[in-house]
N, C-alpha and C. Protein backbone atom coordinates (compact mmCIF):
# COMPACT_ATOMS: atom_id res chain seq x y z
N LEU A 1 -36.27 -87.07 19.03
CA LEU A 1 -36.97 -87.35 17.80
C LEU A 1 -36.24 -86.70 16.62
N GLU A 2 -35.72 -85.48 16.84
CA GLU A 2 -34.97 -84.81 15.77
C GLU A 2 -33.76 -85.63 15.36
N LEU A 3 -33.06 -86.16 16.34
CA LEU A 3 -31.88 -86.97 16.06
C LEU A 3 -32.24 -88.23 15.27
N ALA A 4 -33.33 -88.90 15.66
CA ALA A 4 -33.76 -90.10 14.94
C ALA A 4 -34.14 -89.76 13.51
N MET A 5 -34.83 -88.64 13.30
CA MET A 5 -35.21 -88.24 11.94
C MET A 5 -33.98 -87.93 11.10
N GLU A 6 -32.99 -87.29 11.70
CA GLU A 6 -31.75 -86.99 10.99
C GLU A 6 -31.02 -88.29 10.61
N MET A 7 -31.02 -89.24 11.51
CA MET A 7 -30.36 -90.52 11.23
C MET A 7 -31.05 -91.24 10.07
N TYR A 8 -32.38 -91.26 10.07
CA TYR A 8 -33.13 -91.87 8.96
C TYR A 8 -32.82 -91.17 7.64
N ALA A 9 -32.76 -89.83 7.68
CA ALA A 9 -32.50 -89.06 6.46
C ALA A 9 -31.12 -89.38 5.88
N ARG A 10 -30.20 -89.77 6.72
CA ARG A 10 -28.84 -90.09 6.27
C ARG A 10 -28.66 -91.59 5.98
N GLY A 11 -29.77 -92.34 5.99
CA GLY A 11 -29.72 -93.75 5.64
C GLY A 11 -29.38 -94.68 6.78
N PHE A 12 -29.37 -94.17 7.99
CA PHE A 12 -29.10 -94.98 9.17
C PHE A 12 -30.34 -95.79 9.50
N LYS A 13 -30.18 -97.01 9.98
CA LYS A 13 -31.32 -97.88 10.26
C LYS A 13 -31.40 -98.24 11.73
N PHE A 14 -32.60 -98.53 12.17
CA PHE A 14 -32.83 -99.06 13.51
C PHE A 14 -33.38 -100.46 13.34
N TYR A 15 -32.67 -101.45 13.89
CA TYR A 15 -33.09 -102.84 13.76
C TYR A 15 -33.95 -103.23 14.96
N PRO A 16 -34.96 -104.07 14.73
CA PRO A 16 -35.87 -104.44 15.82
C PRO A 16 -35.19 -105.30 16.88
N VAL A 17 -35.82 -105.36 18.02
CA VAL A 17 -35.33 -106.16 19.14
C VAL A 17 -35.19 -107.62 18.70
N ASP A 18 -34.10 -108.23 19.11
CA ASP A 18 -33.83 -109.64 18.80
C ASP A 18 -33.58 -110.36 20.13
N ILE A 19 -34.36 -111.40 20.42
CA ILE A 19 -34.24 -112.05 21.73
C ILE A 19 -32.88 -112.70 21.95
N TYR A 20 -32.12 -112.92 20.89
CA TYR A 20 -30.80 -113.53 21.05
C TYR A 20 -29.64 -112.55 20.94
N LYS A 21 -29.88 -111.34 20.44
CA LYS A 21 -28.78 -110.40 20.21
C LYS A 21 -28.90 -109.07 20.95
N SER A 22 -30.10 -108.64 21.27
CA SER A 22 -30.29 -107.33 21.88
C SER A 22 -29.74 -107.28 23.30
N SER A 23 -29.28 -106.10 23.68
CA SER A 23 -28.81 -105.84 25.04
C SER A 23 -30.01 -105.48 25.91
N ALA A 24 -29.80 -105.51 27.21
CA ALA A 24 -30.87 -105.10 28.12
C ALA A 24 -31.19 -103.62 27.97
N GLN A 25 -30.15 -102.77 27.90
CA GLN A 25 -30.42 -101.34 27.85
C GLN A 25 -29.56 -100.55 26.88
N LYS A 26 -28.60 -101.16 26.21
CA LYS A 26 -27.73 -100.42 25.29
C LYS A 26 -28.10 -100.67 23.84
N PHE A 27 -28.07 -99.61 23.04
CA PHE A 27 -28.22 -99.74 21.60
C PHE A 27 -26.90 -100.29 21.08
N LEU A 28 -26.95 -101.36 20.29
CA LEU A 28 -25.74 -101.98 19.78
C LEU A 28 -25.54 -101.67 18.30
N PRO A 29 -24.31 -101.31 17.90
CA PRO A 29 -24.06 -101.05 16.48
C PRO A 29 -24.12 -102.34 15.67
N VAL A 30 -24.86 -102.29 14.56
CA VAL A 30 -25.00 -103.42 13.65
C VAL A 30 -24.97 -102.88 12.23
N ASP A 31 -24.02 -103.34 11.43
CA ASP A 31 -23.89 -102.91 10.03
C ASP A 31 -24.08 -101.40 9.89
N ASP A 32 -25.19 -100.99 9.29
CA ASP A 32 -25.44 -99.58 9.02
C ASP A 32 -26.53 -99.01 9.93
N GLY A 33 -26.59 -99.51 11.17
CA GLY A 33 -27.62 -99.03 12.08
C GLY A 33 -27.39 -99.46 13.51
N LEU A 34 -28.46 -99.41 14.27
CA LEU A 34 -28.43 -99.78 15.68
C LEU A 34 -29.48 -100.84 15.97
N LEU A 35 -29.12 -101.80 16.81
CA LEU A 35 -30.04 -102.82 17.28
C LEU A 35 -30.67 -102.32 18.57
N LEU A 36 -31.99 -102.27 18.60
CA LEU A 36 -32.70 -101.75 19.77
C LEU A 36 -32.53 -102.66 20.98
N PRO A 37 -32.41 -102.08 22.18
CA PRO A 37 -32.37 -102.87 23.41
C PRO A 37 -33.79 -103.22 23.87
N PHE A 38 -33.89 -104.21 24.74
CA PHE A 38 -35.20 -104.61 25.27
C PHE A 38 -35.88 -103.45 26.01
N SER A 39 -35.10 -102.66 26.74
CA SER A 39 -35.69 -101.59 27.54
C SER A 39 -36.25 -100.44 26.69
N ALA A 40 -35.99 -100.45 25.39
CA ALA A 40 -36.56 -99.43 24.50
C ALA A 40 -38.03 -99.70 24.20
N LEU A 41 -38.49 -100.91 24.50
CA LEU A 41 -39.89 -101.27 24.25
C LEU A 41 -40.77 -100.82 25.40
N PRO A 42 -42.00 -100.38 25.10
CA PRO A 42 -42.91 -100.01 26.19
C PRO A 42 -43.26 -101.23 27.04
N ASN A 43 -43.47 -101.04 28.32
CA ASN A 43 -43.82 -102.10 29.28
C ASN A 43 -42.70 -103.11 29.51
N VAL A 44 -41.50 -102.81 29.04
CA VAL A 44 -40.35 -103.68 29.32
C VAL A 44 -39.32 -102.81 30.04
N GLY A 45 -39.35 -102.87 31.36
CA GLY A 45 -38.44 -102.07 32.17
C GLY A 45 -37.05 -102.69 32.23
N LEU A 46 -36.17 -102.02 32.92
CA LEU A 46 -34.79 -102.48 33.01
C LEU A 46 -34.68 -103.84 33.69
N ALA A 47 -35.43 -104.07 34.78
CA ALA A 47 -35.37 -105.36 35.47
C ALA A 47 -35.85 -106.48 34.56
N ALA A 48 -36.92 -106.25 33.82
CA ALA A 48 -37.43 -107.26 32.89
C ALA A 48 -36.42 -107.52 31.77
N ALA A 49 -35.81 -106.44 31.26
CA ALA A 49 -34.82 -106.58 30.20
C ALA A 49 -33.62 -107.37 30.67
N GLN A 50 -33.17 -107.11 31.88
CA GLN A 50 -32.05 -107.87 32.44
C GLN A 50 -32.43 -109.33 32.68
N GLY A 51 -33.69 -109.58 33.03
CA GLY A 51 -34.17 -110.96 33.19
C GLY A 51 -34.14 -111.73 31.87
N ILE A 52 -34.47 -111.06 30.78
CA ILE A 52 -34.44 -111.70 29.46
C ILE A 52 -33.00 -112.08 29.12
N VAL A 53 -32.08 -111.15 29.32
CA VAL A 53 -30.67 -111.41 28.99
C VAL A 53 -30.11 -112.53 29.86
N ALA A 54 -30.45 -112.55 31.15
CA ALA A 54 -29.98 -113.61 32.05
C ALA A 54 -30.51 -114.97 31.61
N ALA A 55 -31.79 -115.03 31.24
CA ALA A 55 -32.39 -116.28 30.79
C ALA A 55 -31.76 -116.74 29.48
N ARG A 56 -31.48 -115.80 28.59
CA ARG A 56 -30.86 -116.11 27.30
C ARG A 56 -29.46 -116.67 27.50
N ASP A 57 -28.73 -116.12 28.48
CA ASP A 57 -27.36 -116.58 28.73
C ASP A 57 -27.30 -118.00 29.28
N GLU A 58 -28.38 -118.48 29.91
CA GLU A 58 -28.44 -119.84 30.44
C GLU A 58 -28.46 -120.87 29.32
N ALA A 59 -29.34 -120.66 28.34
CA ALA A 59 -29.50 -121.60 27.22
C ALA A 59 -30.45 -120.99 26.21
N ASP A 60 -30.45 -121.54 24.99
CA ASP A 60 -31.40 -121.09 23.96
C ASP A 60 -32.82 -121.41 24.42
N PHE A 61 -33.76 -120.62 23.93
CA PHE A 61 -35.16 -120.85 24.25
C PHE A 61 -35.73 -121.90 23.32
N VAL A 62 -36.52 -122.83 23.86
CA VAL A 62 -37.12 -123.89 23.04
C VAL A 62 -38.54 -123.55 22.61
N SER A 63 -39.16 -122.58 23.29
CA SER A 63 -40.52 -122.17 22.93
C SER A 63 -40.82 -120.81 23.57
N VAL A 64 -41.92 -120.22 23.17
CA VAL A 64 -42.38 -118.96 23.76
C VAL A 64 -42.70 -119.20 25.24
N GLU A 65 -43.30 -120.33 25.53
CA GLU A 65 -43.62 -120.70 26.90
C GLU A 65 -42.35 -120.77 27.75
N ASP A 66 -41.31 -121.41 27.24
CA ASP A 66 -40.02 -121.49 27.92
C ASP A 66 -39.44 -120.10 28.15
N PHE A 67 -39.54 -119.24 27.15
CA PHE A 67 -39.06 -117.86 27.26
C PHE A 67 -39.75 -117.15 28.42
N GLN A 68 -41.07 -117.24 28.48
CA GLN A 68 -41.82 -116.53 29.52
C GLN A 68 -41.50 -117.07 30.91
N ILE A 69 -41.40 -118.37 31.05
CA ILE A 69 -41.10 -118.97 32.35
C ILE A 69 -39.72 -118.56 32.84
N ARG A 70 -38.72 -118.67 31.98
CA ARG A 70 -37.35 -118.37 32.38
C ARG A 70 -37.07 -116.88 32.54
N SER A 71 -37.69 -116.03 31.72
CA SER A 71 -37.46 -114.59 31.82
C SER A 71 -38.36 -113.93 32.86
N LYS A 72 -39.42 -114.64 33.27
CA LYS A 72 -40.38 -114.15 34.26
C LYS A 72 -41.07 -112.85 33.84
N LEU A 73 -41.34 -112.71 32.55
CA LEU A 73 -42.02 -111.52 32.05
C LEU A 73 -43.52 -111.58 32.31
N ASN A 74 -44.11 -110.41 32.52
CA ASN A 74 -45.55 -110.36 32.72
C ASN A 74 -46.27 -110.39 31.36
N LYS A 75 -47.59 -110.50 31.43
CA LYS A 75 -48.40 -110.64 30.22
C LYS A 75 -48.27 -109.46 29.26
N SER A 76 -48.26 -108.24 29.81
CA SER A 76 -48.19 -107.06 28.93
C SER A 76 -46.84 -106.97 28.22
N ALA A 77 -45.75 -107.29 28.89
CA ALA A 77 -44.43 -107.28 28.24
C ALA A 77 -44.36 -108.38 27.18
N MET A 78 -44.93 -109.54 27.46
CA MET A 78 -44.95 -110.62 26.47
C MET A 78 -45.73 -110.20 25.23
N GLU A 79 -46.84 -109.49 25.44
CA GLU A 79 -47.66 -109.04 24.31
C GLU A 79 -46.88 -108.04 23.44
N ILE A 80 -46.12 -107.16 24.07
CA ILE A 80 -45.29 -106.22 23.31
C ILE A 80 -44.27 -106.98 22.46
N LEU A 81 -43.61 -107.97 23.04
CA LEU A 81 -42.63 -108.76 22.29
C LEU A 81 -43.30 -109.53 21.14
N ARG A 82 -44.49 -110.03 21.37
CA ARG A 82 -45.24 -110.70 20.29
C ARG A 82 -45.53 -109.72 19.15
N ASN A 83 -45.99 -108.53 19.52
CA ASN A 83 -46.32 -107.51 18.51
C ASN A 83 -45.09 -107.08 17.72
N GLU A 84 -43.93 -107.17 18.33
CA GLU A 84 -42.67 -106.81 17.66
C GLU A 84 -42.10 -108.00 16.88
N ASN A 85 -42.82 -109.11 16.86
CA ASN A 85 -42.43 -110.31 16.11
C ASN A 85 -41.10 -110.90 16.61
N CYS A 86 -40.89 -110.83 17.92
CA CYS A 86 -39.64 -111.33 18.51
C CYS A 86 -39.59 -112.86 18.59
N PHE A 87 -40.74 -113.50 18.48
CA PHE A 87 -40.78 -114.95 18.66
C PHE A 87 -40.91 -115.71 17.34
N ALA A 88 -40.57 -115.08 16.24
CA ALA A 88 -40.65 -115.74 14.94
C ALA A 88 -39.75 -116.98 14.95
N GLY A 89 -40.31 -118.10 14.57
CA GLY A 89 -39.54 -119.34 14.51
C GLY A 89 -39.59 -120.16 15.79
N LEU A 90 -40.11 -119.59 16.87
CA LEU A 90 -40.22 -120.35 18.12
C LEU A 90 -41.62 -120.94 18.24
N PRO A 91 -41.72 -122.21 18.58
CA PRO A 91 -43.07 -122.77 18.81
C PRO A 91 -43.69 -122.14 20.05
N GLU A 92 -44.99 -122.12 20.09
CA GLU A 92 -45.71 -121.49 21.20
C GLU A 92 -45.51 -122.27 22.52
N SER A 93 -45.56 -123.60 22.44
CA SER A 93 -45.51 -124.42 23.63
C SER A 93 -44.34 -125.39 23.57
N THR A 94 -43.90 -125.83 24.74
CA THR A 94 -42.83 -126.81 24.85
C THR A 94 -43.39 -128.22 24.67
N GLN A 95 -44.69 -128.38 24.83
CA GLN A 95 -45.32 -129.69 24.71
C GLN A 95 -45.31 -130.19 23.27
N ILE A 96 -45.11 -131.46 23.10
CA ILE A 96 -45.14 -132.08 21.77
C ILE A 96 -46.58 -132.51 21.49
N SER A 97 -47.07 -132.15 20.32
CA SER A 97 -48.42 -132.52 19.93
C SER A 97 -48.40 -133.86 19.20
N LEU A 98 -49.18 -134.81 19.70
CA LEU A 98 -49.24 -136.13 19.06
C LEU A 98 -50.26 -136.16 17.93
N PHE A 99 -51.14 -135.16 17.90
CA PHE A 99 -52.23 -135.18 16.94
C PHE A 99 -52.16 -134.02 15.94
N GLY A 100 -51.10 -133.21 15.98
CA GLY A 100 -51.08 -132.02 15.16
C GLY A 100 -50.09 -132.12 14.07
């Protein structure tokens, strides 16, 4: 915690998890800060984080539903990612709505 506070005091930034850029377990340098890894989030263990990266490497995600199916994440890990706004811009479902 002391190290993180010192980094903030010196203008260093921590960027939120990004489903397309974050590593499973390594903090990645980005501009003037670090990009958080998936495993830094609560309820997202190393196996789940590696599952996300493996699914991402197959193809882009078309929806939140597609993300959950391919990454095989449980409900609590999905809720953490939702709370972190990781799914901004992704539709909730893969189904096309004819009436919406």
